[in-house]
Amino acid sequence: MKRVLCKKMTSVLLAFLLVAACTLLEHPVFPASATPKQTMQLPVLMYHHISESASRLGDYVISPAQFESDLKFLKKAGYQTVSAQAVLQFVKNGESLPSKAVMITFDDAFLSTYVYAFPLLKQYGMCAVIAPVGVYTEQFSDPNEPRHVNYANTGWEELREMLQSGVFELASHTYNMHGDGKNGGRKGIQKMAGEDVTSYQQALYDDLSHMNQLCEEHLDTAPRIFAYPFGAICKESAPVLKEMTFEILLSCEEKVSSISQGDTLPIVLGRFNRAHRYDTHTFFSKMGIETDEL
C-alpha cells in the first residue's frame, strides 16, 4: 500500500514539475539585473561667441544667421533639444528622452548669447546650457564697465533673466581658471608642472566654491554642470569635481556621447565645437547626422 502511494505521489510531482518547466519555457523569468539598460546616443553642440562683424568670425565665433540656420536644421530634421535635467532623469530613473535628442551649450556666457541666441532659442522653442566664467560676469556687472556685444560678457542681471525664462540652465566654467596656459600660466583647471597635488586641489576647490557661492547669491541656484575651460582635463581634478557634486561634465572631445540608464555620476559628455568655417550641413555631418535630404 505504501509503495503504491509513493508511486502515485512521485507521478503527481513529476507531472507538476513538467508543467512548471513548460510554463517557464513559454514565459521565462529573468532576474532584474539581467534587464537590458536603456542606452541613447546624444550629440552635444558647443557654441561660444556670436557676432555680426565679419572680421570677428572664426573658430569660436559665428554669425547670427549661422546660428539660426543650425536651429532651422534641427527643427526640420526632427531633433529636439533636451535639458541637462532631462538627461539626468534618463540616467537616474530611466525617464524617456526624444529619439532624436540633442543638447545645446554656450561656453563663456558672452553678451552675444543674450542678444542673439536667447531670442532665437525662444523663437524656435529650444533650450540650452550656459557656462559663465565668474570673474568676467563680475566685471561686466559693474555699471561703470564699458560694454559692447562684440566683446563683453553677460552680467548677473542678464543671466538671471535667461535662467528664469526656462530657456537656459546654469553650468560652471570656473570663477577664475579660464587661462589659456600661455606664458607659464595654468591652462583651464589643469595641474601645472611641479605643482603639489594637495595645493592644486585646494586651489580648484576654492575657485569652484567661490563660483557656487556667487551663483547662489545672484541667481538663487548653484550649478550642477561643469564645463572644462579649453577642454583641459586632468585626473587630479576628479575628486574635487565629485566633492562639488557636479553631475554632468562637459568636455571638448568631439564625439557623440553614449548615455545609459544607471550610469555612474558624474557623466562626461563630448561636444562638437561650432566654427564659422562650417556651413550648417557640414557641421551636422561631423556628428553622423544625415543632411542630404534636408
Protein backbone atom coordinates (compact mmCIF):
# COMPACT_ATOMS: atom_id res chain seq x y z
CA MET A 1 0.00 0.00 0.00
CA LYS A 2 2.81 2.43 0.93
CA ARG A 3 4.68 1.59 -2.30
CA VAL A 4 1.58 2.32 -4.39
CA LEU A 5 1.04 5.64 -2.56
CA CYS A 6 4.67 6.63 -3.08
CA LYS A 7 4.44 5.84 -6.79
CA LYS A 8 1.28 7.98 -7.11
CA MET A 9 2.91 10.88 -5.25
CA THR A 10 6.02 10.61 -7.42
CA SER A 11 3.87 10.66 -10.58
CA VAL A 12 1.99 13.74 -9.37
CA LEU A 13 5.25 15.52 -8.51
CA LEU A 14 6.76 14.71 -11.90
CA ALA A 15 3.65 15.97 -13.64
CA PHE A 16 3.78 19.21 -11.64
CA LEU A 17 7.45 19.74 -12.48
CA LEU A 18 6.78 19.08 -16.17
CA VAL A 19 4.01 21.70 -16.26
CA ALA A 20 6.19 24.21 -14.43
CA ALA A 21 9.07 23.62 -16.84
CA CYS A 22 6.82 24.16 -19.85
CA THR A 23 5.48 27.37 -18.32
CA LEU A 24 8.99 28.70 -17.78
CA LEU A 25 9.91 27.90 -21.37
CA GLU A 26 6.92 29.86 -22.63
CA HIS A 27 7.33 32.72 -20.13
CA PRO A 28 10.96 32.81 -18.95
CA VAL A 29 11.69 34.78 -15.78
CA PHE A 30 14.99 36.67 -15.57
CA PRO A 31 16.47 38.44 -12.56
CA ALA A 32 16.10 42.21 -12.53
CA SER A 33 19.83 42.62 -13.06
CA ALA A 34 19.53 40.94 -16.46
CA THR A 35 17.11 43.57 -17.78
CA PRO A 36 18.91 45.45 -20.54
CA LYS A 37 19.70 49.09 -19.75
CA GLN A 38 18.30 51.84 -21.92
CA THR A 39 21.06 53.50 -23.95
CA MET A 40 20.97 56.60 -26.14
CA GLN A 41 23.32 58.49 -28.40
CA LEU A 42 23.42 62.19 -27.52
CA PRO A 43 25.10 64.80 -29.74
CA VAL A 44 26.06 67.95 -27.82
CA LEU A 45 26.76 71.25 -29.60
CA MET A 46 29.25 73.78 -28.24
CA TYR A 47 28.87 77.45 -29.11
CA HIS A 48 30.85 80.42 -27.85
CA HIS A 49 30.51 83.88 -29.37
CA ILE A 50 28.08 85.28 -31.98
CA SER A 51 28.89 88.40 -33.97
CA GLU A 52 27.54 90.41 -36.90
CA SER A 53 31.07 91.62 -37.63
CA ALA A 54 32.59 89.55 -40.46
CA SER A 55 36.12 90.36 -39.29
CA ARG A 56 35.49 88.63 -35.95
CA LEU A 57 34.21 85.31 -37.32
CA GLY A 58 36.43 82.29 -36.71
CA ASP A 59 36.85 79.02 -34.83
CA TYR A 60 34.83 80.24 -31.84
CA VAL A 61 32.71 83.00 -33.40
CA ILE A 62 29.77 82.52 -35.77
CA SER A 63 27.18 84.87 -37.23
CA PRO A 64 23.57 85.17 -36.03
CA ALA A 65 22.48 83.82 -39.43
CA GLN A 66 24.59 80.69 -38.95
CA PHE A 67 23.11 80.07 -35.52
CA GLU A 68 19.57 80.43 -36.83
CA SER A 69 20.44 78.13 -39.74
CA ASP A 70 21.50 75.47 -37.22
CA LEU A 71 18.22 75.80 -35.31
CA LYS A 72 16.20 75.60 -38.53
CA PHE A 73 18.07 72.46 -39.50
CA LEU A 74 17.43 70.78 -36.17
CA LYS A 75 13.75 71.63 -36.34
CA LYS A 76 13.38 70.37 -39.91
CA ALA A 77 15.32 67.17 -39.14
CA GLY A 78 13.01 66.37 -36.22
CA TYR A 79 15.57 66.91 -33.46
CA GLN A 80 14.51 68.15 -30.04
CA THR A 81 16.79 69.97 -27.64
CA VAL A 82 16.89 68.41 -24.19
CA SER A 83 17.82 69.94 -20.87
CA ALA A 84 20.57 68.64 -18.64
CA GLN A 85 17.86 67.89 -16.09
CA ALA A 86 16.07 65.64 -18.60
CA VAL A 87 19.34 63.83 -19.34
CA LEU A 88 19.88 63.24 -15.62
CA GLN A 89 16.33 61.93 -15.19
CA PHE A 90 17.04 59.46 -18.00
CA VAL A 91 20.29 58.32 -16.36
CA LYS A 92 18.92 58.18 -12.83
CA ASN A 93 15.36 56.97 -13.35
CA GLY A 94 15.11 55.74 -16.92
CA GLU A 95 12.70 58.52 -17.89
CA SER A 96 12.38 58.67 -21.66
CA LEU A 97 14.13 61.14 -23.95
CA PRO A 98 13.18 62.02 -27.53
CA SER A 99 14.56 59.56 -30.07
CA LYS A 100 16.30 62.49 -31.77
CA ALA A 101 17.67 64.31 -28.74
CA VAL A 102 20.36 66.98 -28.92
CA MET A 103 21.87 69.32 -26.32
CA ILE A 104 23.00 72.89 -26.98
CA THR A 105 25.66 74.55 -24.80
CA PHE A 106 27.23 78.01 -24.67
CA ASP A 107 30.63 78.50 -23.03
CA ASP A 108 31.83 81.79 -21.51
CA ALA A 109 28.38 83.48 -21.44
CA PHE A 110 29.21 86.28 -23.85
CA LEU A 111 26.73 89.13 -24.04
CA SER A 112 26.08 87.99 -27.61
CA THR A 113 24.43 84.86 -26.20
CA TYR A 114 21.88 87.10 -24.53
CA VAL A 115 21.46 89.43 -27.52
CA TYR A 116 21.31 86.91 -30.37
CA ALA A 117 20.94 83.32 -29.14
CA PHE A 118 18.39 83.89 -26.37
CA PRO A 119 15.61 85.30 -28.62
CA LEU A 120 16.27 82.73 -31.34
CA LEU A 121 16.07 79.82 -28.90
CA LYS A 122 12.76 81.19 -27.62
CA GLN A 123 11.51 81.62 -31.19
CA TYR A 124 12.27 78.00 -32.08
CA GLY A 125 11.16 76.57 -28.73
CA MET A 126 14.57 75.22 -27.80
CA CYS A 127 16.72 75.17 -24.66
CA ALA A 128 20.43 75.37 -23.86
CA VAL A 129 23.08 75.31 -21.13
CA ILE A 130 25.14 78.43 -20.41
CA ALA A 131 28.52 78.31 -18.65
CA PRO A 132 29.72 81.71 -17.37
CA VAL A 133 33.19 82.50 -16.07
CA GLY A 134 32.59 84.15 -12.71
CA VAL A 135 35.31 86.80 -12.87
CA TYR A 136 34.01 88.05 -16.23
CA THR A 137 30.42 88.06 -15.00
CA GLU A 138 31.53 90.16 -12.05
CA GLN A 139 33.47 92.53 -14.31
CA PHE A 140 30.56 93.20 -16.67
CA SER A 141 28.04 93.52 -13.85
CA ASP A 142 29.81 96.72 -12.85
CA PRO A 143 27.70 99.63 -14.20
CA ASN A 144 30.91 101.62 -14.78
CA GLU A 145 32.42 98.91 -17.02
CA PRO A 146 32.17 99.68 -20.77
CA ARG A 147 30.11 97.02 -22.56
CA HIS A 148 29.63 96.10 -26.19
CA VAL A 149 28.12 92.98 -27.74
CA ASN A 150 31.34 92.41 -29.70
CA TYR A 151 33.43 91.67 -26.62
CA ALA A 152 31.52 91.86 -23.31
CA ASN A 153 30.16 89.03 -21.20
CA THR A 154 26.73 88.83 -19.61
CA GLY A 155 26.28 90.25 -16.13
CA TRP A 156 24.29 88.71 -13.30
CA GLU A 157 21.14 90.55 -14.38
CA GLU A 158 21.10 89.02 -17.87
CA LEU A 159 21.97 85.59 -16.52
CA ARG A 160 19.11 85.73 -14.04
CA GLU A 161 16.65 86.62 -16.80
CA MET A 162 17.92 83.83 -19.03
CA LEU A 163 17.66 81.20 -16.29
CA GLN A 164 14.24 82.35 -15.07
CA SER A 165 12.89 82.06 -18.62
CA GLY A 166 13.48 78.30 -18.55
CA VAL A 167 15.38 78.54 -21.84
CA PHE A 168 18.80 78.23 -20.17
CA GLU A 169 20.31 76.04 -17.44
CA LEU A 170 23.39 77.04 -15.50
CA ALA A 171 26.83 75.47 -15.70
CA SER A 172 30.10 76.49 -14.07
CA HIS A 173 33.09 77.48 -16.20
CA THR A 174 35.09 78.26 -13.02
CA TYR A 175 35.40 81.59 -11.26
CA ASN A 176 38.90 82.49 -12.46
CA MET A 177 40.54 79.43 -14.02
CA HIS A 178 39.96 80.25 -17.66
CA GLY A 179 43.58 80.79 -18.63
CA ASP A 180 44.98 79.53 -21.94
CA GLY A 181 48.21 78.17 -20.43
CA LYS A 182 50.47 80.67 -22.19
CA ASN A 183 53.40 82.44 -20.54
CA GLY A 184 53.70 79.75 -17.90
CA GLY A 185 50.16 80.11 -16.63
CA ARG A 186 47.62 77.41 -15.89
CA LYS A 187 45.57 76.06 -18.80
CA GLY A 188 41.99 75.78 -17.62
CA ILE A 189 41.87 73.66 -14.48
CA GLN A 190 44.91 71.57 -15.32
CA LYS A 191 47.54 70.98 -12.67
CA MET A 192 50.71 72.88 -13.52
CA ALA A 193 54.04 71.12 -13.81
CA GLY A 194 55.65 70.76 -10.42
CA GLU A 195 52.53 71.86 -8.55
CA ASP A 196 51.79 69.97 -5.35
CA VAL A 197 48.63 67.86 -5.71
CA THR A 198 47.18 68.93 -2.37
CA SER A 199 47.77 72.62 -3.11
CA TYR A 200 46.32 72.22 -6.62
CA GLN A 201 43.16 70.53 -5.36
CA GLN A 202 42.67 73.17 -2.67
CA ALA A 203 43.04 75.95 -5.26
CA LEU A 204 40.49 74.29 -7.53
CA TYR A 205 38.09 73.69 -4.65
CA ASP A 206 38.36 77.31 -3.52
CA ASP A 207 37.74 78.62 -7.03
CA LEU A 208 34.68 76.43 -7.67
CA SER A 209 33.28 77.07 -4.20
CA HIS A 210 33.53 80.81 -4.74
CA MET A 211 31.75 80.48 -8.08
CA ASN A 212 28.98 78.44 -6.49
CA GLN A 213 28.61 81.00 -3.69
CA LEU A 214 28.24 83.84 -6.20
CA CYS A 215 25.69 81.89 -8.22
CA GLU A 216 23.65 81.20 -5.09
CA GLU A 217 23.83 84.88 -4.16
CA HIS A 218 22.93 86.34 -7.55
CA LEU A 219 20.98 83.56 -9.27
CA ASP A 220 19.48 81.59 -6.36
CA THR A 221 20.99 78.36 -7.65
CA ALA A 222 24.30 76.53 -7.73
CA PRO A 223 25.44 74.80 -10.93
CA ARG A 224 25.46 71.01 -11.12
CA ILE A 225 27.04 71.07 -14.58
CA PHE A 226 30.71 71.83 -15.18
CA ALA A 227 32.28 72.84 -18.50
CA TYR A 228 36.06 72.29 -18.70
CA PRO A 229 37.75 75.56 -19.80
CA PHE A 230 39.69 74.90 -23.02
CA GLY A 231 38.76 71.22 -22.61
CA ALA A 232 41.70 70.89 -20.23
CA ILE A 233 41.20 67.75 -18.13
CA CYS A 234 43.49 66.22 -15.53
CA LYS A 235 43.00 63.22 -13.26
CA GLU A 236 43.80 65.22 -10.11
CA SER A 237 40.67 67.34 -10.62
CA ALA A 238 38.29 64.35 -10.47
CA PRO A 239 37.99 64.10 -6.64
CA VAL A 240 37.27 67.83 -6.38
CA LEU A 241 34.60 67.82 -9.09
CA LYS A 242 32.96 64.85 -7.40
CA GLU A 243 33.08 66.53 -3.99
CA MET A 244 31.46 69.61 -5.51
CA THR A 245 28.60 67.25 -6.58
CA PHE A 246 28.72 68.10 -10.28
CA GLU A 247 26.56 65.59 -12.14
CA ILE A 248 27.44 66.42 -15.76
CA LEU A 249 30.93 67.31 -17.02
CA LEU A 250 31.16 68.93 -20.46
CA SER A 251 34.37 68.16 -22.31
CA CYS A 252 35.64 69.40 -25.68
CA GLU A 253 36.18 65.93 -27.14
CA GLU A 254 34.33 65.84 -30.44
CA LYS A 255 32.26 62.69 -30.17
CA VAL A 256 28.62 61.68 -29.87
CA SER A 257 28.19 60.51 -26.29
CA SER A 258 26.52 57.25 -25.33
CA ILE A 259 24.44 57.59 -22.16
CA SER A 260 22.76 54.74 -20.32
CA GLN A 261 20.31 54.30 -17.50
CA GLY A 262 22.27 53.73 -14.31
CA ASP A 263 25.50 55.40 -15.48
CA THR A 264 27.74 56.48 -12.62
CA LEU A 265 27.67 60.21 -11.95
CA PRO A 266 29.17 62.49 -12.97
CA ILE A 267 28.75 61.62 -16.63
CA VAL A 268 31.14 63.14 -19.17
CA LEU A 269 29.68 64.41 -22.44
CA GLY A 270 31.68 65.12 -25.58
CA ARG A 271 30.84 68.24 -27.60
CA PHE A 272 31.21 69.47 -31.17
CA ASN A 273 32.61 72.99 -31.47
CA ARG A 274 30.70 75.22 -33.90
CA ALA A 275 33.26 77.06 -36.01
CA HIS A 276 32.43 79.67 -38.66
CA ARG A 277 34.20 77.73 -41.44
CA TYR A 278 31.49 75.06 -41.49
CA ASP A 279 28.13 75.55 -43.12
CA THR A 280 25.21 74.00 -41.24
CA HIS A 281 25.13 70.75 -43.22
CA THR A 282 28.89 70.18 -42.91
CA PHE A 283 28.75 70.84 -39.17
CA PHE A 284 26.00 68.31 -38.52
CA SER A 285 27.55 65.77 -40.88
CA LYS A 286 30.50 65.62 -38.45
CA MET A 287 28.12 64.02 -35.95
CA GLY A 288 26.89 61.41 -38.39
CA ILE A 289 23.58 63.23 -38.86
CA GLU A 290 22.15 62.72 -42.34
CA THR A 291 21.76 66.05 -44.14
CA ASP A 292 21.44 65.12 -47.82
CA GLU A 293 17.65 65.10 -47.89
CA LEU A 294 17.27 68.40 -45.98
